[in-house]
Amino acid sequence: MTGAAAEPGDIEADGGAEAFAQALRVVEALLFASAAPLTVEALGRAIPAGIAIDQVLARLGESYALRGVNLRQVAGGWAFRTAPDLGYLLAAEAEPPRRLSRAALEVLSIIAYHQPVTRAEIEEIRGVATAKGTLDILLEAGWVRLRGRRRSPGRPITYGTTPGFLDHFGLDRIDDLPGLEELKGTGFIEGRLTRDLAVPVPDDDPGLRDDEDPLGDLFSPLDDGEGGSQQG
């Protein structure tokens, strides 16, 4: 939780108890009505002037800590989510989880850790060709997006993750993804490792890098970096 809960005296100093109570109601209403997490900046603009949004979120988080929904920090913003211990009650009503093939999981992991990355670069890391349908599945799920075009021959498309990826996997920021030691600790990486094995620090900054150009016309006859046979 960002910030600490405000003491009564602080609330008075920040604009009065009445204004603070109104800010709580406004933020609560906005979070319940929003389908996506809301940023601190967006919430701060909606409350009365002089009220600290961090104090509002802290108080609201305390109010919902033991209730059926909790206030959580996800995808760079704030949202109400079902309390973890009650998730089983909604399992029957929830949509069946999207099942990804091993190839899709590998591609998604590579994009998350190596973004911005082209299809050819994904294939180089995986060691096998990647079917266009695999990327289409991730794009349709809303977890991967087209970022731009690499400034290299053919100007291949670069891929990156989306806020929807963070939200679905319960991450606040992309660097909440596990590092090498965490992956070894959970058993995802086993056996003897080469000394030069490293897990890159992921970065999903939406801004284009120095070696990227805007997407432009997606229907222009440029190489999208597909190269290779249509395989999983």
C-alpha atoms as a PDB file:
ATOM      1  CA  MET A   1       0.000   0.000   0.000  1.00  0.00           C
ATOM      2  CA  THR A   2       1.347   3.384  -0.911  1.00  0.00           C
ATOM      3  CA  GLY A   3       1.595   5.855   1.955  1.00  0.00           C
ATOM      4  CA  ALA A   4       0.338   5.484   5.483  1.00  0.00           C
ATOM      5  CA  ALA A   5      -3.104   5.977   6.877  1.00  0.00           C
ATOM      6  CA  ALA A   6      -3.749   9.561   7.886  1.00  0.00           C
ATOM      7  CA  GLU A   7      -4.216  10.555  11.490  1.00  0.00           C
ATOM      8  CA  PRO A   8      -7.365  12.556  12.253  1.00  0.00           C
ATOM      9  CA  GLY A   9      -5.312  15.717  12.689  1.00  0.00           C
ATOM     10  CA  ASP A  10      -3.670  15.189   9.312  1.00  0.00           C
ATOM     11  CA  ILE A  11      -7.038  14.833   7.649  1.00  0.00           C
ATOM     12  CA  GLU A  12      -8.175  18.122   9.118  1.00  0.00           C
ATOM     13  CA  ALA A  13      -4.998  19.799   7.934  1.00  0.00           C
ATOM     14  CA  ASP A  14      -5.373  18.348   4.425  1.00  0.00           C
ATOM     15  CA  GLY A  15      -8.788  19.871   3.792  1.00  0.00           C
ATOM     16  CA  GLY A  16     -11.128  18.777   6.542  1.00  0.00           C
ATOM     17  CA  ALA A  17     -12.832  15.560   7.562  1.00  0.00           C
ATOM     18  CA  GLU A  18     -15.805  16.261   5.321  1.00  0.00           C
ATOM     19  CA  ALA A  19     -13.631  16.735   2.227  1.00  0.00           C
ATOM     20  CA  PHE A  20     -11.648  13.605   3.063  1.00  0.00           C
ATOM     21  CA  ALA A  21     -14.854  11.570   3.460  1.00  0.00           C
ATOM     22  CA  GLN A  22     -16.013  12.850   0.068  1.00  0.00           C
ATOM     23  CA  ALA A  23     -12.681  11.880  -1.461  1.00  0.00           C
ATOM     24  CA  LEU A  24     -13.088   8.348  -0.082  1.00  0.00           C
ATOM     25  CA  ARG A  25     -16.523   8.053  -1.672  1.00  0.00           C
ATOM     26  CA  VAL A  26     -15.305   9.389  -5.017  1.00  0.00           C
ATOM     27  CA  VAL A  27     -12.329   7.037  -5.206  1.00  0.00           C
ATOM     28  CA  GLU A  28     -14.430   4.075  -4.078  1.00  0.00           C
ATOM     29  CA  ALA A  29     -17.051   4.791  -6.758  1.00  0.00           C
ATOM     30  CA  LEU A  30     -14.481   5.236  -9.512  1.00  0.00           C
ATOM     31  CA  LEU A  31     -12.698   1.996  -8.668  1.00  0.00           C
ATOM     32  CA  PHE A  32     -15.921  -0.008  -8.561  1.00  0.00           C
ATOM     33  CA  ALA A  33     -17.099   1.438 -11.876  1.00  0.00           C
ATOM     34  CA  SER A  34     -13.832   0.963 -13.757  1.00  0.00           C
ATOM     35  CA  ALA A  35     -13.144  -2.200 -15.721  1.00  0.00           C
ATOM     36  CA  ALA A  36      -9.398  -1.535 -15.576  1.00  0.00           C
ATOM     37  CA  PRO A  37      -7.036  -0.449 -12.783  1.00  0.00           C
ATOM     38  CA  LEU A  38      -6.881   3.329 -12.280  1.00  0.00           C
ATOM     39  CA  THR A  39      -3.639   5.209 -11.760  1.00  0.00           C
ATOM     40  CA  VAL A  40      -2.876   7.376  -8.750  1.00  0.00           C
ATOM     41  CA  GLU A  41      -2.753  10.387 -11.063  1.00  0.00           C
ATOM     42  CA  ALA A  42      -6.224   9.746 -12.462  1.00  0.00           C
ATOM     43  CA  LEU A  43      -7.717   9.223  -9.009  1.00  0.00           C
ATOM     44  CA  GLY A  44      -5.940  12.272  -7.604  1.00  0.00           C
ATOM     45  CA  ARG A  45      -7.485  14.510 -10.250  1.00  0.00           C
ATOM     46  CA  ALA A  46     -10.980  13.406  -9.220  1.00  0.00           C
ATOM     47  CA  ILE A  47     -10.836  14.259  -5.509  1.00  0.00           C
ATOM     48  CA  PRO A  48     -11.108  17.659  -3.785  1.00  0.00           C
ATOM     49  CA  ALA A  49      -8.007  19.838  -3.864  1.00  0.00           C
ATOM     50  CA  GLY A  50      -5.777  19.582  -0.815  1.00  0.00           C
ATOM     51  CA  ILE A  51      -6.524  15.905  -0.146  1.00  0.00           C
ATOM     52  CA  ALA A  52      -3.572  13.503  -0.422  1.00  0.00           C
ATOM     53  CA  ILE A  53      -4.553  10.592  -2.664  1.00  0.00           C
ATOM     54  CA  ASP A  54      -2.031   8.282  -0.922  1.00  0.00           C
ATOM     55  CA  GLN A  55      -3.870   8.822   2.370  1.00  0.00           C
ATOM     56  CA  VAL A  56      -7.215   8.141   0.703  1.00  0.00           C
ATOM     57  CA  LEU A  57      -5.962   4.868  -0.810  1.00  0.00           C
ATOM     58  CA  ALA A  58      -4.397   3.824   2.489  1.00  0.00           C
ATOM     59  CA  ARG A  59      -7.662   4.423   4.390  1.00  0.00           C
ATOM     60  CA  LEU A  60      -9.719   2.704   1.700  1.00  0.00           C
ATOM     61  CA  GLY A  61      -7.348  -0.265   1.720  1.00  0.00           C
ATOM     62  CA  GLU A  62      -7.746  -0.608   5.474  1.00  0.00           C
ATOM     63  CA  SER A  63     -11.535  -0.439   5.176  1.00  0.00           C
ATOM     64  CA  TYR A  64     -11.608  -3.299   2.662  1.00  0.00           C
ATOM     65  CA  ALA A  65      -8.796  -5.415   4.124  1.00  0.00           C
ATOM     66  CA  LEU A  66     -11.166  -7.923   5.783  1.00  0.00           C
ATOM     67  CA  ARG A  67     -14.040  -7.695   3.319  1.00  0.00           C
ATOM     68  CA  GLY A  68     -15.001  -9.821   0.326  1.00  0.00           C
ATOM     69  CA  VAL A  69     -13.078  -7.556  -2.030  1.00  0.00           C
ATOM     70  CA  ASN A  70      -9.692  -6.008  -1.351  1.00  0.00           C
ATOM     71  CA  LEU A  71      -7.992  -2.936  -2.773  1.00  0.00           C
ATOM     72  CA  ARG A  72      -4.916  -4.053  -4.705  1.00  0.00           C
ATOM     73  CA  GLN A  73      -2.139  -2.462  -6.698  1.00  0.00           C
ATOM     74  CA  VAL A  74      -2.073  -4.068 -10.164  1.00  0.00           C
ATOM     75  CA  ALA A  75      -0.823  -3.098 -13.625  1.00  0.00           C
ATOM     76  CA  GLY A  76       0.506   0.227 -12.409  1.00  0.00           C
ATOM     77  CA  GLY A  77      -2.807   1.274 -10.903  1.00  0.00           C
ATOM     78  CA  TRP A  78      -5.394   0.411  -8.235  1.00  0.00           C
ATOM     79  CA  ALA A  79      -8.376  -1.912  -8.439  1.00  0.00           C
ATOM     80  CA  PHE A  80     -10.762  -3.919  -6.296  1.00  0.00           C
ATOM     81  CA  ARG A  81     -10.195  -7.666  -6.511  1.00  0.00           C
ATOM     82  CA  THR A  82     -11.914 -10.635  -4.869  1.00  0.00           C
ATOM     83  CA  ALA A  83     -10.277 -11.574  -1.587  1.00  0.00           C
ATOM     84  CA  PRO A  84      -7.868 -14.452  -2.276  1.00  0.00           C
ATOM     85  CA  ASP A  85      -9.537 -16.816   0.199  1.00  0.00           C
ATOM     86  CA  LEU A  86     -12.927 -16.371  -1.516  1.00  0.00           C
ATOM     87  CA  GLY A  87     -11.797 -16.957  -5.076  1.00  0.00           C
ATOM     88  CA  TYR A  88     -13.124 -20.530  -5.064  1.00  0.00           C
ATOM     89  CA  LEU A  89     -16.681 -19.234  -4.634  1.00  0.00           C
ATOM     90  CA  LEU A  90     -16.522 -17.504  -8.012  1.00  0.00           C
ATOM     91  CA  ALA A  91     -14.773 -20.304  -9.867  1.00  0.00           C
ATOM     92  CA  ALA A  92     -18.042 -21.688 -11.248  1.00  0.00           C
ATOM     93  CA  GLU A  93     -19.102 -18.277 -12.565  1.00  0.00           C
ATOM     94  CA  ALA A  94     -15.748 -17.274 -13.996  1.00  0.00           C
ATOM     95  CA  GLU A  95     -14.869 -17.777 -17.643  1.00  0.00           C
ATOM     96  CA  PRO A  96     -12.710 -20.853 -18.249  1.00  0.00           C
ATOM     97  CA  PRO A  97      -9.065 -19.842 -18.064  1.00  0.00           C
ATOM     98  CA  ARG A  98      -7.393 -19.332 -21.411  1.00  0.00           C
ATOM     99  CA  ARG A  99      -5.181 -22.339 -22.033  1.00  0.00           C
ATOM    100  CA  LEU A 100      -2.001 -21.594 -23.938  1.00  0.00           C
ATOM    101  CA  SER A 101       0.119 -24.090 -25.780  1.00  0.00           C
ATOM    102  CA  ARG A 102       3.710 -24.588 -24.683  1.00  0.00           C
ATOM    103  CA  ALA A 103       4.823 -22.635 -27.750  1.00  0.00           C
ATOM    104  CA  ALA A 104       2.553 -19.701 -26.825  1.00  0.00           C
ATOM    105  CA  LEU A 105       3.815 -19.707 -23.232  1.00  0.00           C
ATOM    106  CA  GLU A 106       7.406 -19.677 -24.443  1.00  0.00           C
ATOM    107  CA  VAL A 107       6.729 -16.805 -26.852  1.00  0.00           C
ATOM    108  CA  LEU A 108       4.868 -14.825 -24.178  1.00  0.00           C
ATOM    109  CA  SER A 109       7.750 -15.299 -21.730  1.00  0.00           C
ATOM    110  CA  ILE A 110      10.320 -14.186 -24.285  1.00  0.00           C
ATOM    111  CA  ILE A 111       8.309 -11.084 -25.152  1.00  0.00           C
ATOM    112  CA  ALA A 112       7.839 -10.222 -21.474  1.00  0.00           C
ATOM    113  CA  TYR A 113      11.540 -10.475 -20.638  1.00  0.00           C
ATOM    114  CA  HIS A 114      13.124  -9.302 -23.905  1.00  0.00           C
ATOM    115  CA  GLN A 115      10.719  -6.610 -25.176  1.00  0.00           C
ATOM    116  CA  PRO A 116      10.849  -4.906 -27.536  1.00  0.00           C
ATOM    117  CA  VAL A 117      11.514  -8.018 -29.587  1.00  0.00           C
ATOM    118  CA  THR A 118      10.867  -9.068 -33.185  1.00  0.00           C
ATOM    119  CA  ARG A 119       9.577 -12.404 -34.393  1.00  0.00           C
ATOM    120  CA  ALA A 120      13.002 -13.296 -35.788  1.00  0.00           C
ATOM    121  CA  GLU A 121      14.562 -12.542 -32.384  1.00  0.00           C
ATOM    122  CA  ILE A 122      11.933 -14.707 -30.666  1.00  0.00           C
ATOM    123  CA  GLU A 123      12.788 -17.564 -33.018  1.00  0.00           C
ATOM    124  CA  GLU A 124      16.500 -17.112 -32.373  1.00  0.00           C
ATOM    125  CA  ILE A 125      15.946 -17.400 -28.615  1.00  0.00           C
ATOM    126  CA  ARG A 126      13.581 -20.376 -28.910  1.00  0.00           C
ATOM    127  CA  GLY A 127      15.663 -22.125 -31.542  1.00  0.00           C
ATOM    128  CA  VAL A 128      12.591 -22.986 -33.641  1.00  0.00           C
ATOM    129  CA  ALA A 129      10.285 -21.181 -36.047  1.00  0.00           C
ATOM    130  CA  THR A 130       7.224 -19.476 -34.576  1.00  0.00           C
ATOM    131  CA  ALA A 131       3.859 -19.762 -36.289  1.00  0.00           C
ATOM    132  CA  LYS A 132       2.089 -16.465 -36.914  1.00  0.00           C
ATOM    133  CA  GLY A 133      -0.983 -17.975 -35.256  1.00  0.00           C
ATOM    134  CA  THR A 134       0.896 -18.189 -31.960  1.00  0.00           C
ATOM    135  CA  LEU A 135       1.430 -14.437 -31.901  1.00  0.00           C
ATOM    136  CA  ASP A 136      -2.163 -13.883 -33.056  1.00  0.00           C
ATOM    137  CA  ILE A 137      -3.438 -15.773 -29.990  1.00  0.00           C
ATOM    138  CA  LEU A 138      -1.409 -13.538 -27.648  1.00  0.00           C
ATOM    139  CA  LEU A 139      -2.528 -10.393 -29.461  1.00  0.00           C
ATOM    140  CA  GLU A 140      -6.181 -11.503 -29.299  1.00  0.00           C
ATOM    141  CA  ALA A 141      -5.844 -12.202 -25.573  1.00  0.00           C
ATOM    142  CA  GLY A 142      -4.740  -8.598 -25.082  1.00  0.00           C
ATOM    143  CA  TRP A 143      -1.457  -9.597 -23.426  1.00  0.00           C
ATOM    144  CA  VAL A 144       0.835  -8.598 -26.289  1.00  0.00           C
ATOM    145  CA  ARG A 145       0.831  -5.528 -28.506  1.00  0.00           C
ATOM    146  CA  LEU A 146       2.539  -4.292 -31.646  1.00  0.00           C
ATOM    147  CA  ARG A 147       5.052  -1.662 -30.517  1.00  0.00           C
ATOM    148  CA  GLY A 148       6.738  -0.377 -33.665  1.00  0.00           C
ATOM    149  CA  ARG A 149       9.200  -1.365 -36.378  1.00  0.00           C
ATOM    150  CA  ARG A 150      12.853  -2.188 -35.834  1.00  0.00           C
ATOM    151  CA  ARG A 151      15.287   0.074 -37.675  1.00  0.00           C
ATOM    152  CA  SER A 152      16.864  -2.823 -39.530  1.00  0.00           C
ATOM    153  CA  PRO A 153      16.493  -4.370 -43.002  1.00  0.00           C
ATOM    154  CA  GLY A 154      12.849  -5.205 -43.639  1.00  0.00           C
ATOM    155  CA  ARG A 155      11.761  -3.054 -40.676  1.00  0.00           C
ATOM    156  CA  PRO A 156      10.247  -6.010 -38.751  1.00  0.00           C
ATOM    157  CA  ILE A 157       7.494  -5.394 -36.204  1.00  0.00           C
ATOM    158  CA  THR A 158       8.493  -5.276 -32.541  1.00  0.00           C
ATOM    159  CA  TYR A 159       6.301  -6.777 -29.820  1.00  0.00           C
ATOM    160  CA  GLY A 160       5.776  -5.908 -26.160  1.00  0.00           C
ATOM    161  CA  THR A 161       3.394  -6.685 -23.312  1.00  0.00           C
ATOM    162  CA  THR A 162       0.297  -4.718 -22.283  1.00  0.00           C
ATOM    163  CA  PRO A 163      -1.267  -3.531 -19.015  1.00  0.00           C
ATOM    164  CA  GLY A 164      -3.723  -6.395 -19.560  1.00  0.00           C
ATOM    165  CA  PHE A 165      -0.825  -8.841 -19.215  1.00  0.00           C
ATOM    166  CA  LEU A 166       0.099  -7.344 -15.848  1.00  0.00           C
ATOM    167  CA  ASP A 167      -3.514  -7.337 -14.663  1.00  0.00           C
ATOM    168  CA  HIS A 168      -4.180 -10.941 -15.710  1.00  0.00           C
ATOM    169  CA  PHE A 169      -1.077 -12.263 -13.969  1.00  0.00           C
ATOM    170  CA  GLY A 170      -1.534 -10.104 -10.866  1.00  0.00           C
ATOM    171  CA  LEU A 171       1.561  -7.950 -11.403  1.00  0.00           C
ATOM    172  CA  ASP A 172       1.840  -4.286 -10.522  1.00  0.00           C
ATOM    173  CA  ARG A 173       4.912  -3.661 -12.686  1.00  0.00           C
ATOM    174  CA  ILE A 174       6.773  -5.666 -15.309  1.00  0.00           C
ATOM    175  CA  ASP A 175       9.856  -5.902 -13.082  1.00  0.00           C
ATOM    176  CA  ASP A 176       7.741  -7.885 -10.603  1.00  0.00           C
ATOM    177  CA  LEU A 177       8.415 -10.855 -12.883  1.00  0.00           C
ATOM    178  CA  PRO A 178      10.728 -13.356 -11.178  1.00  0.00           C
ATOM    179  CA  GLY A 179      14.471 -13.156 -11.687  1.00  0.00           C
ATOM    180  CA  LEU A 180      16.918 -16.031 -12.135  1.00  0.00           C
ATOM    181  CA  GLU A 181      17.213 -16.901  -8.427  1.00  0.00           C
ATOM    182  CA  GLU A 182      13.443 -16.886  -7.988  1.00  0.00           C
ATOM    183  CA  LEU A 183      12.974 -19.101 -11.041  1.00  0.00           C
ATOM    184  CA  LYS A 184      15.515 -21.575  -9.694  1.00  0.00           C
ATOM    185  CA  GLY A 185      13.846 -21.519  -6.287  1.00  0.00           C
ATOM    186  CA  THR A 186      10.448 -22.412  -7.763  1.00  0.00           C
ATOM    187  CA  GLY A 187      11.885 -25.258  -9.826  1.00  0.00           C
ATOM    188  CA  PHE A 188      11.270 -23.699 -13.237  1.00  0.00           C
ATOM    189  CA  ILE A 189      15.000 -23.853 -13.941  1.00  0.00           C
ATOM    190  CA  GLU A 190      16.644 -27.103 -12.920  1.00  0.00           C
ATOM    191  CA  GLY A 191      19.942 -28.854 -13.425  1.00  0.00           C
ATOM    192  CA  ARG A 192      23.364 -27.383 -14.020  1.00  0.00           C
ATOM    193  CA  LEU A 193      23.340 -23.879 -15.439  1.00  0.00           C
ATOM    194  CA  THR A 194      25.949 -22.278 -17.632  1.00  0.00           C
ATOM    195  CA  ARG A 195      27.877 -19.471 -15.983  1.00  0.00           C
ATOM    196  CA  ASP A 196      26.723 -16.934 -18.545  1.00  0.00           C
ATOM    197  CA  LEU A 197      23.015 -17.748 -18.133  1.00  0.00           C
ATOM    198  CA  ALA A 198      21.124 -14.604 -17.184  1.00  0.00           C
ATOM    199  CA  VAL A 199      17.503 -13.511 -17.039  1.00  0.00           C
ATOM    200  CA  PRO A 200      17.171  -9.975 -18.434  1.00  0.00           C
ATOM    201  CA  VAL A 201      15.527  -7.241 -16.384  1.00  0.00           C
ATOM    202  CA  PRO A 202      12.197  -6.695 -18.182  1.00  0.00           C
ATOM    203  CA  ASP A 203      11.194  -3.196 -19.263  1.00  0.00           C
ATOM    204  CA  ASP A 204       7.794  -2.359 -20.780  1.00  0.00           C
ATOM    205  CA  ASP A 205       8.302   1.381 -21.221  1.00  0.00           C
ATOM    206  CA  PRO A 206       5.696   2.266 -23.886  1.00  0.00           C
ATOM    207  CA  GLY A 207       7.996   4.791 -25.536  1.00  0.00           C
ATOM    208  CA  LEU A 208       9.808   3.745 -28.701  1.00  0.00           C
ATOM    209  CA  ARG A 209      13.495   2.918 -28.349  1.00  0.00           C
ATOM    210  CA  ASP A 210      16.246   4.486 -30.415  1.00  0.00           C
ATOM    211  CA  ASP A 211      16.189   1.506 -32.771  1.00  0.00           C
ATOM    212  CA  GLU A 212      12.390   1.559 -33.261  1.00  0.00           C
ATOM    213  CA  ASP A 213      10.174   3.519 -35.660  1.00  0.00           C
ATOM    214  CA  PRO A 214       6.394   4.038 -35.378  1.00  0.00           C
ATOM    215  CA  LEU A 215       4.266   1.256 -36.847  1.00  0.00           C
ATOM    216  CA  GLY A 216       2.938   3.342 -39.724  1.00  0.00           C
ATOM    217  CA  ASP A 217       0.852   1.510 -42.302  1.00  0.00           C
ATOM    218  CA  LEU A 218       0.505  -2.105 -41.148  1.00  0.00           C
ATOM    219  CA  PHE A 219      -0.644  -3.117 -44.614  1.00  0.00           C
ATOM    220  CA  SER A 220       2.482  -1.896 -46.356  1.00  0.00           C
ATOM    221  CA  PRO A 221       4.468  -4.697 -48.031  1.00  0.00           C
ATOM    222  CA  LEU A 222       7.264  -4.716 -45.455  1.00  0.00           C
ATOM    223  CA  ASP A 223       8.814  -7.748 -43.778  1.00  0.00           C
ATOM    224  CA  ASP A 224       7.127  -8.404 -40.428  1.00  0.00           C
ATOM    225  CA  GLY A 225      10.045 -10.508 -39.336  1.00  0.00           C
ATOM    226  CA  GLU A 226       8.154 -13.745 -39.900  1.00  0.00           C
ATOM    227  CA  GLY A 227      10.819 -15.622 -41.854  1.00  0.00           C
ATOM    228  CA  GLY A 228      10.876 -19.352 -41.522  1.00  0.00           C
ATOM    229  CA  SER A 229       8.238 -22.033 -41.826  1.00  0.00           C
ATOM    230  CA  GLN A 230       4.842 -21.873 -40.188  1.00  0.00           C
ATOM    231  CA  GLN A 231       5.524 -24.031 -37.146  1.00  0.00           C
ATOM    232  CA  GLY A 232       4.572 -23.958 -33.469  1.00  0.00           C
END
